[in-house]
């Protein structure tokens, strides 16, 4: 279903929302409600858990009221639908009321799959899937969000935003909206993402890692001191460095994740330049030593990290 369905797409029909990603499921519910309200501002909205659904309550939810004949009815957690109510719901879904938009929300999993199978076979039923995203799909989600607000974002910037904000779709959608509003009138690039989210600890950690793996000792030390001065634990910084180093080592060794987005491949390819297998092995051992020092309550964690930067950047071959 398109992100903005029309009333004709949902009235007299059943929208079946399936999958574990709650943000996408709720977005679909809201777009159906918005379509109904756009058609009739006085339309009534009803919401009910499937566990409470009986033949009587289904009739009440779908029946026109004294105030409006147009209704949007949302039934949540369809997996908890009582067995005795299943046939009644299927009969209704086969011939839904013309002035009612029924939305059935199933949270994923095998429970209630029999009802789902039967619903999918009915002509008036439109399924909208809200499956959890794979790691490689988050930048595409960001790009789609930005497009929905009338702008564009390149793949590297979308990947940087995911690194900064994380993989919570609600937070990513909000971040995309903020970026478009703050940088109106032009496409979004990685510089704009870093300008806006540069103070986020996650972004700084990745900037430190990038500087270390690129052999940029001065920038790595500068970013580290800023990050620690602003309250970020050296343990979190080290975790990011370790993760990035492992990714580069795997890439250099030909062990690459399937479905890796192109922006990520480009980033790893650039970082792997100048590193020999022996140098990477020594860098990994240096990170392990720093990790042991930090977990052993090193007297000066900042010094431990600075020593790591000096060691690892010295291992990278100059080309």
C-alpha atoms as a PDB file:
ATOM      1  CA  UNK A   1       0.000   0.000   0.000  1.00  0.00           C
ATOM      2  CA  UNK A   2       1.214   3.497  -0.756  1.00  0.00           C
ATOM      3  CA  UNK A   3       2.122   5.600   2.182  1.00  0.00           C
ATOM      4  CA  UNK A   4      -0.914   7.849   1.591  1.00  0.00           C
ATOM      5  CA  UNK A   5      -3.918   5.653   0.654  1.00  0.00           C
ATOM      6  CA  UNK A   6      -7.171   7.212  -0.480  1.00  0.00           C
ATOM      7  CA  UNK A   7     -10.501   6.571   1.196  1.00  0.00           C
ATOM      8  CA  UNK A   8     -11.518   4.344  -1.720  1.00  0.00           C
ATOM      9  CA  UNK A   9      -8.531   2.117  -0.939  1.00  0.00           C
ATOM     10  CA  UNK A  10      -9.648   1.414   2.631  1.00  0.00           C
ATOM     11  CA  UNK A  11     -13.420   1.959   2.945  1.00  0.00           C
ATOM     12  CA  UNK A  12     -15.376  -1.193   2.277  1.00  0.00           C
ATOM     13  CA  UNK A  13     -12.146  -3.135   2.559  1.00  0.00           C
ATOM     14  CA  UNK A  14      -9.939  -4.825   5.163  1.00  0.00           C
ATOM     15  CA  UNK A  15      -6.341  -3.763   5.694  1.00  0.00           C
ATOM     16  CA  UNK A  16      -4.331  -6.633   7.174  1.00  0.00           C
ATOM     17  CA  UNK A  17      -1.120  -5.442   8.857  1.00  0.00           C
ATOM     18  CA  UNK A  18       1.362  -8.206   9.650  1.00  0.00           C
ATOM     19  CA  UNK A  19       4.876  -8.301  11.099  1.00  0.00           C
ATOM     20  CA  UNK A  20       6.953  -7.539  14.174  1.00  0.00           C
ATOM     21  CA  UNK A  21       8.074  -4.002  13.346  1.00  0.00           C
ATOM     22  CA  UNK A  22       5.688  -1.969  15.500  1.00  0.00           C
ATOM     23  CA  UNK A  23       6.680   1.403  14.050  1.00  0.00           C
ATOM     24  CA  UNK A  24       5.788   0.369  10.486  1.00  0.00           C
ATOM     25  CA  UNK A  25       2.582  -1.299  11.651  1.00  0.00           C
ATOM     26  CA  UNK A  26       1.448   1.786  13.532  1.00  0.00           C
ATOM     27  CA  UNK A  27       2.321   4.002  10.586  1.00  0.00           C
ATOM     28  CA  UNK A  28      -0.003   1.940   8.398  1.00  0.00           C
ATOM     29  CA  UNK A  29      -2.786   2.223  10.978  1.00  0.00           C
ATOM     30  CA  UNK A  30      -2.358   5.998  11.082  1.00  0.00           C
ATOM     31  CA  UNK A  31      -2.374   6.377   7.295  1.00  0.00           C
ATOM     32  CA  UNK A  32      -5.656   4.438   7.064  1.00  0.00           C
ATOM     33  CA  UNK A  33      -7.179   6.613   9.768  1.00  0.00           C
ATOM     34  CA  UNK A  34      -5.930   9.743   8.030  1.00  0.00           C
ATOM     35  CA  UNK A  35      -7.488   8.644   4.726  1.00  0.00           C
ATOM     36  CA  UNK A  36     -10.843   8.058   6.414  1.00  0.00           C
ATOM     37  CA  UNK A  37     -10.760  11.375   8.272  1.00  0.00           C
ATOM     38  CA  UNK A  38      -9.757  13.206   5.070  1.00  0.00           C
ATOM     39  CA  UNK A  39     -12.841  11.725   3.421  1.00  0.00           C
ATOM     40  CA  UNK A  40     -15.101  12.570   6.371  1.00  0.00           C
ATOM     41  CA  UNK A  41     -13.747  14.742   9.215  1.00  0.00           C
ATOM     42  CA  UNK A  42     -16.597  13.489  11.420  1.00  0.00           C
ATOM     43  CA  UNK A  43     -15.770   9.825  10.841  1.00  0.00           C
ATOM     44  CA  UNK A  44     -15.567   7.775  14.015  1.00  0.00           C
ATOM     45  CA  UNK A  45     -12.447   5.905  15.057  1.00  0.00           C
ATOM     46  CA  UNK A  46     -12.687   2.704  17.075  1.00  0.00           C
ATOM     47  CA  UNK A  47      -9.885   0.602  18.537  1.00  0.00           C
ATOM     48  CA  UNK A  48     -10.170  -2.810  20.154  1.00  0.00           C
ATOM     49  CA  UNK A  49      -7.890  -5.711  21.161  1.00  0.00           C
ATOM     50  CA  UNK A  50      -8.680  -8.899  19.267  1.00  0.00           C
ATOM     51  CA  UNK A  51      -8.978 -10.809  22.568  1.00  0.00           C
ATOM     52  CA  UNK A  52     -12.162  -8.840  23.309  1.00  0.00           C
ATOM     53  CA  UNK A  53     -13.689  -9.431  19.881  1.00  0.00           C
ATOM     54  CA  UNK A  54     -16.942 -11.368  19.797  1.00  0.00           C
ATOM     55  CA  UNK A  55     -19.665 -11.508  17.185  1.00  0.00           C
ATOM     56  CA  UNK A  56     -21.567  -8.910  19.172  1.00  0.00           C
ATOM     57  CA  UNK A  57     -18.655  -6.514  19.572  1.00  0.00           C
ATOM     58  CA  UNK A  58     -17.669  -6.892  15.923  1.00  0.00           C
ATOM     59  CA  UNK A  59     -21.203  -5.900  14.961  1.00  0.00           C
ATOM     60  CA  UNK A  60     -21.037  -2.905  17.280  1.00  0.00           C
ATOM     61  CA  UNK A  61     -17.676  -1.775  15.923  1.00  0.00           C
ATOM     62  CA  UNK A  62     -18.787  -1.970  12.311  1.00  0.00           C
ATOM     63  CA  UNK A  63     -22.327  -0.595  12.754  1.00  0.00           C
ATOM     64  CA  UNK A  64     -22.983   3.072  11.912  1.00  0.00           C
ATOM     65  CA  UNK A  65     -23.637   5.365  14.862  1.00  0.00           C
ATOM     66  CA  UNK A  66     -25.996   8.286  15.350  1.00  0.00           C
ATOM     67  CA  UNK A  67     -23.185  10.708  14.497  1.00  0.00           C
ATOM     68  CA  UNK A  68     -21.533   9.269  11.399  1.00  0.00           C
ATOM     69  CA  UNK A  69     -21.921   6.361   9.013  1.00  0.00           C
ATOM     70  CA  UNK A  70     -18.185   6.398   8.187  1.00  0.00           C
ATOM     71  CA  UNK A  71     -15.981   4.456  10.582  1.00  0.00           C
ATOM     72  CA  UNK A  72     -12.425   3.234  10.911  1.00  0.00           C
ATOM     73  CA  UNK A  73     -12.110   0.172  13.112  1.00  0.00           C
ATOM     74  CA  UNK A  74      -8.701  -1.081  14.285  1.00  0.00           C
ATOM     75  CA  UNK A  75      -8.412  -4.552  15.810  1.00  0.00           C
ATOM     76  CA  UNK A  76      -5.003  -5.135  17.367  1.00  0.00           C
ATOM     77  CA  UNK A  77      -3.117  -8.319  18.332  1.00  0.00           C
ATOM     78  CA  UNK A  78      -5.057 -10.458  15.911  1.00  0.00           C
ATOM     79  CA  UNK A  79      -3.027 -13.438  17.096  1.00  0.00           C
ATOM     80  CA  UNK A  80      -5.131 -13.351  20.299  1.00  0.00           C
ATOM     81  CA  UNK A  81      -8.452 -13.615  18.488  1.00  0.00           C
ATOM     82  CA  UNK A  82     -10.748 -16.120  20.286  1.00  0.00           C
ATOM     83  CA  UNK A  83     -11.364 -19.243  18.213  1.00  0.00           C
ATOM     84  CA  UNK A  84     -15.111 -18.812  18.439  1.00  0.00           C
ATOM     85  CA  UNK A  85     -14.835 -15.367  16.810  1.00  0.00           C
ATOM     86  CA  UNK A  86     -12.711 -16.419  13.844  1.00  0.00           C
ATOM     87  CA  UNK A  87     -15.534 -17.534  11.532  1.00  0.00           C
ATOM     88  CA  UNK A  88     -17.537 -14.379  12.203  1.00  0.00           C
ATOM     89  CA  UNK A  89     -14.542 -12.193  11.402  1.00  0.00           C
ATOM     90  CA  UNK A  90     -13.842 -14.121   8.196  1.00  0.00           C
ATOM     91  CA  UNK A  91     -17.482 -13.784   7.095  1.00  0.00           C
ATOM     92  CA  UNK A  92     -17.312 -10.037   7.656  1.00  0.00           C
ATOM     93  CA  UNK A  93     -13.964  -9.729   5.856  1.00  0.00           C
ATOM     94  CA  UNK A  94     -15.411 -11.512   2.828  1.00  0.00           C
ATOM     95  CA  UNK A  95     -18.125  -8.826   2.491  1.00  0.00           C
ATOM     96  CA  UNK A  96     -17.155  -5.756   4.548  1.00  0.00           C
ATOM     97  CA  UNK A  97     -19.504  -2.821   5.091  1.00  0.00           C
ATOM     98  CA  UNK A  98     -19.043  -0.111   2.455  1.00  0.00           C
ATOM     99  CA  UNK A  99     -18.648   2.732   4.953  1.00  0.00           C
ATOM    100  CA  UNK A 100     -16.184   0.965   7.261  1.00  0.00           C
ATOM    101  CA  UNK A 101     -12.407   0.708   7.038  1.00  0.00           C
ATOM    102  CA  UNK A 102     -11.357  -2.335   9.069  1.00  0.00           C
ATOM    103  CA  UNK A 103      -7.698  -2.672  10.048  1.00  0.00           C
ATOM    104  CA  UNK A 104      -6.488  -5.981  11.484  1.00  0.00           C
ATOM    105  CA  UNK A 105      -3.055  -5.891  13.129  1.00  0.00           C
ATOM    106  CA  UNK A 106      -1.136  -9.145  13.638  1.00  0.00           C
ATOM    107  CA  UNK A 107       2.153  -8.924  15.569  1.00  0.00           C
ATOM    108  CA  UNK A 108       3.929 -11.711  13.705  1.00  0.00           C
ATOM    109  CA  UNK A 109       4.771 -15.237  14.768  1.00  0.00           C
ATOM    110  CA  UNK A 110       2.938 -18.514  14.194  1.00  0.00           C
ATOM    111  CA  UNK A 111       0.014 -17.867  16.540  1.00  0.00           C
ATOM    112  CA  UNK A 112      -3.141 -17.169  14.591  1.00  0.00           C
ATOM    113  CA  UNK A 113      -1.525 -18.124  11.281  1.00  0.00           C
ATOM    114  CA  UNK A 114      -4.576 -20.154  10.253  1.00  0.00           C
ATOM    115  CA  UNK A 115      -6.777 -17.066  10.302  1.00  0.00           C
ATOM    116  CA  UNK A 116      -4.121 -15.117   8.394  1.00  0.00           C
ATOM    117  CA  UNK A 117      -4.016 -17.741   5.656  1.00  0.00           C
ATOM    118  CA  UNK A 118      -7.780 -17.540   5.191  1.00  0.00           C
ATOM    119  CA  UNK A 119      -7.845 -13.749   5.292  1.00  0.00           C
ATOM    120  CA  UNK A 120      -5.169 -13.515   2.592  1.00  0.00           C
ATOM    121  CA  UNK A 121      -7.400 -15.463   0.202  1.00  0.00           C
ATOM    122  CA  UNK A 122     -10.259 -12.959   0.452  1.00  0.00           C
ATOM    123  CA  UNK A 123     -10.643 -10.353  -2.289  1.00  0.00           C
ATOM    124  CA  UNK A 124     -11.439  -7.355  -0.029  1.00  0.00           C
ATOM    125  CA  UNK A 125      -8.300  -7.942   2.080  1.00  0.00           C
ATOM    126  CA  UNK A 126      -5.098  -5.997   1.392  1.00  0.00           C
ATOM    127  CA  UNK A 127      -2.008  -7.104   3.338  1.00  0.00           C
ATOM    128  CA  UNK A 128       0.666  -4.612   4.400  1.00  0.00           C
ATOM    129  CA  UNK A 129       3.776  -6.278   5.807  1.00  0.00           C
ATOM    130  CA  UNK A 130       5.801  -4.645   8.567  1.00  0.00           C
ATOM    131  CA  UNK A 131       8.684  -7.085   8.828  1.00  0.00           C
ATOM    132  CA  UNK A 132      11.798  -6.229  10.800  1.00  0.00           C
ATOM    133  CA  UNK A 133      14.518  -4.732   8.623  1.00  0.00           C
ATOM    134  CA  UNK A 134      17.857  -6.358   7.894  1.00  0.00           C
ATOM    135  CA  UNK A 135      20.963  -4.379   8.785  1.00  0.00           C
ATOM    136  CA  UNK A 136      21.583  -3.594   5.104  1.00  0.00           C
ATOM    137  CA  UNK A 137      18.066  -2.163   4.678  1.00  0.00           C
ATOM    138  CA  UNK A 138      18.233   0.702   7.194  1.00  0.00           C
ATOM    139  CA  UNK A 139      19.985   3.175   4.833  1.00  0.00           C
ATOM    140  CA  UNK A 140      17.266   2.491   2.248  1.00  0.00           C
ATOM    141  CA  UNK A 141      14.641   3.220   4.898  1.00  0.00           C
ATOM    142  CA  UNK A 142      16.368   6.533   5.626  1.00  0.00           C
ATOM    143  CA  UNK A 143      16.463   7.396   1.916  1.00  0.00           C
ATOM    144  CA  UNK A 144      12.742   6.661   1.587  1.00  0.00           C
ATOM    145  CA  UNK A 145      11.976   8.832   4.620  1.00  0.00           C
ATOM    146  CA  UNK A 146      13.940  11.725   3.177  1.00  0.00           C
ATOM    147  CA  UNK A 147      12.173  11.352  -0.195  1.00  0.00           C
ATOM    148  CA  UNK A 148       8.799  11.403   1.557  1.00  0.00           C
ATOM    149  CA  UNK A 149       9.710  14.870   2.847  1.00  0.00           C
ATOM    150  CA  UNK A 150      10.640  16.093  -0.619  1.00  0.00           C
ATOM    151  CA  UNK A 151      14.422  15.806  -0.491  1.00  0.00           C
ATOM    152  CA  UNK A 152      17.186  13.316  -1.312  1.00  0.00           C
ATOM    153  CA  UNK A 153      20.135  11.813   0.543  1.00  0.00           C
ATOM    154  CA  UNK A 154      23.130   9.942  -0.845  1.00  0.00           C
ATOM    155  CA  UNK A 155      23.987   6.426   0.293  1.00  0.00           C
ATOM    156  CA  UNK A 156      27.025   7.421   2.357  1.00  0.00           C
ATOM    157  CA  UNK A 157      25.010  10.030   4.264  1.00  0.00           C
ATOM    158  CA  UNK A 158      22.169   7.567   4.863  1.00  0.00           C
ATOM    159  CA  UNK A 159      24.673   5.074   6.282  1.00  0.00           C
ATOM    160  CA  UNK A 160      26.214   7.760   8.486  1.00  0.00           C
ATOM    161  CA  UNK A 161      22.785   8.645   9.858  1.00  0.00           C
ATOM    162  CA  UNK A 162      22.128   5.005  10.752  1.00  0.00           C
ATOM    163  CA  UNK A 163      25.492   4.856  12.527  1.00  0.00           C
ATOM    164  CA  UNK A 164      24.660   8.038  14.436  1.00  0.00           C
ATOM    165  CA  UNK A 165      21.091   7.293  15.454  1.00  0.00           C
ATOM    166  CA  UNK A 166      20.993   3.498  15.576  1.00  0.00           C
ATOM    167  CA  UNK A 167      18.419   1.073  14.224  1.00  0.00           C
ATOM    168  CA  UNK A 168      15.286   2.373  15.921  1.00  0.00           C
ATOM    169  CA  UNK A 169      12.955   3.281  13.050  1.00  0.00           C
ATOM    170  CA  UNK A 170      11.056   5.900  15.017  1.00  0.00           C
ATOM    171  CA  UNK A 171      14.290   7.729  15.837  1.00  0.00           C
ATOM    172  CA  UNK A 172      15.554   7.412  12.259  1.00  0.00           C
ATOM    173  CA  UNK A 173      12.302   8.807  10.865  1.00  0.00           C
ATOM    174  CA  UNK A 174      12.465  11.756  13.260  1.00  0.00           C
ATOM    175  CA  UNK A 175      16.122  12.390  12.396  1.00  0.00           C
ATOM    176  CA  UNK A 176      15.381  12.321   8.660  1.00  0.00           C
ATOM    177  CA  UNK A 177      12.554  14.822   9.142  1.00  0.00           C
ATOM    178  CA  UNK A 178      14.790  17.130  11.189  1.00  0.00           C
ATOM    179  CA  UNK A 179      17.555  17.059   8.591  1.00  0.00           C
ATOM    180  CA  UNK A 180      15.198  17.928   5.739  1.00  0.00           C
ATOM    181  CA  UNK A 181      13.720  20.795   7.758  1.00  0.00           C
ATOM    182  CA  UNK A 182      17.115  22.168   8.787  1.00  0.00           C
ATOM    183  CA  UNK A 183      18.732  21.843   5.351  1.00  0.00           C
ATOM    184  CA  UNK A 184      15.797  22.795   3.164  1.00  0.00           C
ATOM    185  CA  UNK A 185      16.423  23.396  -0.491  1.00  0.00           C
ATOM    186  CA  UNK A 186      19.120  20.873  -1.273  1.00  0.00           C
ATOM    187  CA  UNK A 187      20.119  17.201  -1.131  1.00  0.00           C
ATOM    188  CA  UNK A 188      21.562  15.777   2.075  1.00  0.00           C
ATOM    189  CA  UNK A 189      25.162  14.588   2.151  1.00  0.00           C
ATOM    190  CA  UNK A 190      27.456  13.124   4.779  1.00  0.00           C
ATOM    191  CA  UNK A 191      28.830  16.552   5.746  1.00  0.00           C
ATOM    192  CA  UNK A 192      25.331  17.766   6.635  1.00  0.00           C
ATOM    193  CA  UNK A 193      24.622  14.614   8.646  1.00  0.00           C
ATOM    194  CA  UNK A 194      27.846  15.025  10.602  1.00  0.00           C
ATOM    195  CA  UNK A 195      27.210  18.731  11.075  1.00  0.00           C
ATOM    196  CA  UNK A 196      23.846  18.006  12.664  1.00  0.00           C
ATOM    197  CA  UNK A 197      24.739  14.854  14.595  1.00  0.00           C
ATOM    198  CA  UNK A 198      28.445  15.567  15.133  1.00  0.00           C
ATOM    199  CA  UNK A 199      27.946  15.879  18.878  1.00  0.00           C
ATOM    200  CA  UNK A 200      26.417  12.430  19.231  1.00  0.00           C
ATOM    201  CA  UNK A 201      28.743  10.053  21.000  1.00  0.00           C
ATOM    202  CA  UNK A 202      28.101   7.308  18.453  1.00  0.00           C
ATOM    203  CA  UNK A 203      29.196   9.546  15.578  1.00  0.00           C
ATOM    204  CA  UNK A 204      32.327  10.679  17.416  1.00  0.00           C
ATOM    205  CA  UNK A 205      33.250   7.073  18.153  1.00  0.00           C
ATOM    206  CA  UNK A 206      33.061   6.210  14.458  1.00  0.00           C
ATOM    207  CA  UNK A 207      35.036   9.331  13.568  1.00  0.00           C
ATOM    208  CA  UNK A 208      37.768   8.262  15.973  1.00  0.00           C
ATOM    209  CA  UNK A 209      37.807   4.766  14.465  1.00  0.00           C
ATOM    210  CA  UNK A 210      37.942   6.148  10.931  1.00  0.00           C
ATOM    211  CA  UNK A 211      40.856   8.409  11.851  1.00  0.00           C
ATOM    212  CA  UNK A 212      42.782   5.563  13.508  1.00  0.00           C
ATOM    213  CA  UNK A 213      42.292   3.177  10.587  1.00  0.00           C
ATOM    214  CA  UNK A 214      43.223   5.932   8.132  1.00  0.00           C
ATOM    215  CA  UNK A 215      46.442   6.593  10.050  1.00  0.00           C
ATOM    216  CA  UNK A 216      45.365  10.156  10.943  1.00  0.00           C
ATOM    217  CA  UNK A 217      46.956  10.259  14.402  1.00  0.00           C
ATOM    218  CA  UNK A 218      46.381  13.974  15.097  1.00  0.00           C
ATOM    219  CA  UNK A 219      42.674  13.865  14.257  1.00  0.00           C
ATOM    220  CA  UNK A 220      42.137  10.660  16.236  1.00  0.00           C
ATOM    221  CA  UNK A 221      43.755  12.153  19.344  1.00  0.00           C
ATOM    222  CA  UNK A 222      41.797  15.393  18.987  1.00  0.00           C
ATOM    223  CA  UNK A 223      38.461  13.574  18.596  1.00  0.00           C
ATOM    224  CA  UNK A 224      39.281  11.235  21.502  1.00  0.00           C
ATOM    225  CA  UNK A 225      40.060  14.085  23.884  1.00  0.00           C
ATOM    226  CA  UNK A 226      36.859  15.913  22.902  1.00  0.00           C
ATOM    227  CA  UNK A 227      34.775  12.774  23.380  1.00  0.00           C
ATOM    228  CA  UNK A 228      36.206  11.886  26.787  1.00  0.00           C
ATOM    229  CA  UNK A 229      35.945  15.506  27.942  1.00  0.00           C
ATOM    230  CA  UNK A 230      32.238  15.390  27.092  1.00  0.00           C
ATOM    231  CA  UNK A 231      31.610  12.359  29.264  1.00  0.00           C
ATOM    232  CA  UNK A 232      31.856   9.381  26.923  1.00  0.00           C
ATOM    233  CA  UNK A 233      33.410   6.317  28.530  1.00  0.00           C
ATOM    234  CA  UNK A 234      36.662   5.126  26.872  1.00  0.00           C
ATOM    235  CA  UNK A 235      35.170   1.632  27.031  1.00  0.00           C
ATOM    236  CA  UNK A 236      32.491   2.625  24.491  1.00  0.00           C
ATOM    237  CA  UNK A 237      35.070   4.264  22.248  1.00  0.00           C
ATOM    238  CA  UNK A 238      37.226   1.140  22.347  1.00  0.00           C
ATOM    239  CA  UNK A 239      34.243  -1.076  21.525  1.00  0.00           C
ATOM    240  CA  UNK A 240      33.629   0.924  18.352  1.00  0.00           C
ATOM    241  CA  UNK A 241      37.320   0.809  17.398  1.00  0.00           C
ATOM    242  CA  UNK A 242      37.378  -2.954  17.957  1.00  0.00           C
ATOM    243  CA  UNK A 243      34.269  -3.478  15.846  1.00  0.00           C
ATOM    244  CA  UNK A 244      35.584  -1.347  12.985  1.00  0.00           C
ATOM    245  CA  UNK A 245      38.963  -3.069  13.106  1.00  0.00           C
ATOM    246  CA  UNK A 246      37.354  -6.517  12.922  1.00  0.00           C
ATOM    247  CA  UNK A 247      35.250  -5.393   9.942  1.00  0.00           C
ATOM    248  CA  UNK A 248      38.339  -4.129   8.112  1.00  0.00           C
ATOM    249  CA  UNK A 249      40.251  -7.330   8.909  1.00  0.00           C
ATOM    250  CA  UNK A 250      37.367  -9.462   7.634  1.00  0.00           C
ATOM    251  CA  UNK A 251      37.092  -7.369   4.483  1.00  0.00           C
ATOM    252  CA  UNK A 252      40.832  -7.531   3.834  1.00  0.00           C
ATOM    253  CA  UNK A 253      40.712 -11.291   4.319  1.00  0.00           C
ATOM    254  CA  UNK A 254      37.854 -11.696   1.855  1.00  0.00           C
ATOM    255  CA  UNK A 255      35.306 -12.614   4.544  1.00  0.00           C
ATOM    256  CA  UNK A 256      32.528 -10.153   3.652  1.00  0.00           C
ATOM    257  CA  UNK A 257      28.930 -10.018   4.795  1.00  0.00           C
ATOM    258  CA  UNK A 258      26.334 -10.948   2.198  1.00  0.00           C
ATOM    259  CA  UNK A 259      23.972  -8.118   1.376  1.00  0.00           C
ATOM    260  CA  UNK A 260      26.456  -5.473   2.567  1.00  0.00           C
ATOM    261  CA  UNK A 261      25.346  -2.073   1.210  1.00  0.00           C
ATOM    262  CA  UNK A 262      27.590  -0.399  -1.347  1.00  0.00           C
ATOM    263  CA  UNK A 263      28.396   2.576   0.887  1.00  0.00           C
ATOM    264  CA  UNK A 264      29.680   0.188   3.568  1.00  0.00           C
ATOM    265  CA  UNK A 265      31.822  -1.718   1.043  1.00  0.00           C
ATOM    266  CA  UNK A 266      33.313   1.551  -0.191  1.00  0.00           C
ATOM    267  CA  UNK A 267      34.088   2.639   3.372  1.00  0.00           C
ATOM    268  CA  UNK A 268      35.804  -0.647   4.241  1.00  0.00           C
ATOM    269  CA  UNK A 269      37.728  -0.651   0.968  1.00  0.00           C
ATOM    270  CA  UNK A 270      39.155   2.782   1.753  1.00  0.00           C
ATOM    271  CA  UNK A 271      40.008   1.822   5.332  1.00  0.00           C
ATOM    272  CA  UNK A 272      41.698  -1.417   4.269  1.00  0.00           C
ATOM    273  CA  UNK A 273      44.166   0.429   2.043  1.00  0.00           C
ATOM    274  CA  UNK A 274      47.554   0.658   3.689  1.00  0.00           C
ATOM    275  CA  UNK A 275      46.975  -2.296   5.990  1.00  0.00           C
ATOM    276  CA  UNK A 276      48.876  -5.542   5.721  1.00  0.00           C
ATOM    277  CA  UNK A 277      47.601  -8.749   7.278  1.00  0.00           C
ATOM    278  CA  UNK A 278      50.464  -8.630   9.773  1.00  0.00           C
ATOM    279  CA  UNK A 279      49.665  -5.029  10.668  1.00  0.00           C
ATOM    280  CA  UNK A 280      46.002  -5.833  11.228  1.00  0.00           C
ATOM    281  CA  UNK A 281      46.915  -8.785  13.443  1.00  0.00           C
ATOM    282  CA  UNK A 282      49.158  -6.572  15.583  1.00  0.00           C
ATOM    283  CA  UNK A 283      46.452  -3.891  15.766  1.00  0.00           C
ATOM    284  CA  UNK A 284      43.905  -6.448  16.971  1.00  0.00           C
ATOM    285  CA  UNK A 285      46.321  -7.580  19.692  1.00  0.00           C
ATOM    286  CA  UNK A 286      46.874  -3.952  20.716  1.00  0.00           C
ATOM    287  CA  UNK A 287      43.112  -3.460  21.032  1.00  0.00           C
ATOM    288  CA  UNK A 288      42.864  -6.630  23.141  1.00  0.00           C
ATOM    289  CA  UNK A 289      45.571  -5.301  25.476  1.00  0.00           C
ATOM    290  CA  UNK A 290      43.804  -1.958  25.800  1.00  0.00           C
ATOM    291  CA  UNK A 291      40.538  -3.757  26.532  1.00  0.00           C
ATOM    292  CA  UNK A 292      42.209  -5.766  29.306  1.00  0.00           C
ATOM    293  CA  UNK A 293      43.719  -2.582  30.743  1.00  0.00           C
ATOM    294  CA  UNK A 294      40.392  -0.738  30.766  1.00  0.00           C
ATOM    295  CA  UNK A 295      38.505  -3.655  32.300  1.00  0.00           C
ATOM    296  CA  UNK A 296      41.281  -4.022  34.840  1.00  0.00           C
ATOM    297  CA  UNK A 297      40.486  -0.519  36.074  1.00  0.00           C
ATOM    298  CA  UNK A 298      43.461   1.211  34.488  1.00  0.00           C
ATOM    299  CA  UNK A 299      44.533   4.216  36.535  1.00  0.00           C
ATOM    300  CA  UNK A 300      44.331   6.473  33.472  1.00  0.00           C
ATOM    301  CA  UNK A 301      41.838   5.203  30.840  1.00  0.00           C
ATOM    302  CA  UNK A 302      42.448   8.255  28.639  1.00  0.00           C
ATOM    303  CA  UNK A 303      46.175   7.447  28.515  1.00  0.00           C
ATOM    304  CA  UNK A 304      45.357   3.844  27.627  1.00  0.00           C
ATOM    305  CA  UNK A 305      43.324   5.024  24.631  1.00  0.00           C
ATOM    306  CA  UNK A 306      45.933   7.554  23.535  1.00  0.00           C
ATOM    307  CA  UNK A 307      48.622   4.877  23.689  1.00  0.00           C
ATOM    308  CA  UNK A 308      46.385   2.642  21.568  1.00  0.00           C
ATOM    309  CA  UNK A 309      46.000   5.371  18.953  1.00  0.00           C
ATOM    310  CA  UNK A 310      49.760   5.908  18.784  1.00  0.00           C
ATOM    311  CA  UNK A 311      50.348   2.162  18.459  1.00  0.00           C
ATOM    312  CA  UNK A 312      47.704   1.364  15.854  1.00  0.00           C
ATOM    313  CA  UNK A 313      48.303   4.388  13.626  1.00  0.00           C
ATOM    314  CA  UNK A 314      52.000   3.453  13.664  1.00  0.00           C
ATOM    315  CA  UNK A 315      51.169   0.004  12.306  1.00  0.00           C
ATOM    316  CA  UNK A 316      49.493   1.306   9.189  1.00  0.00           C
ATOM    317  CA  UNK A 317      51.770   1.338   6.179  1.00  0.00           C
ATOM    318  CA  UNK A 318      52.382   4.723   4.587  1.00  0.00           C
ATOM    319  CA  UNK A 319      51.515   4.778   0.908  1.00  0.00           C
END
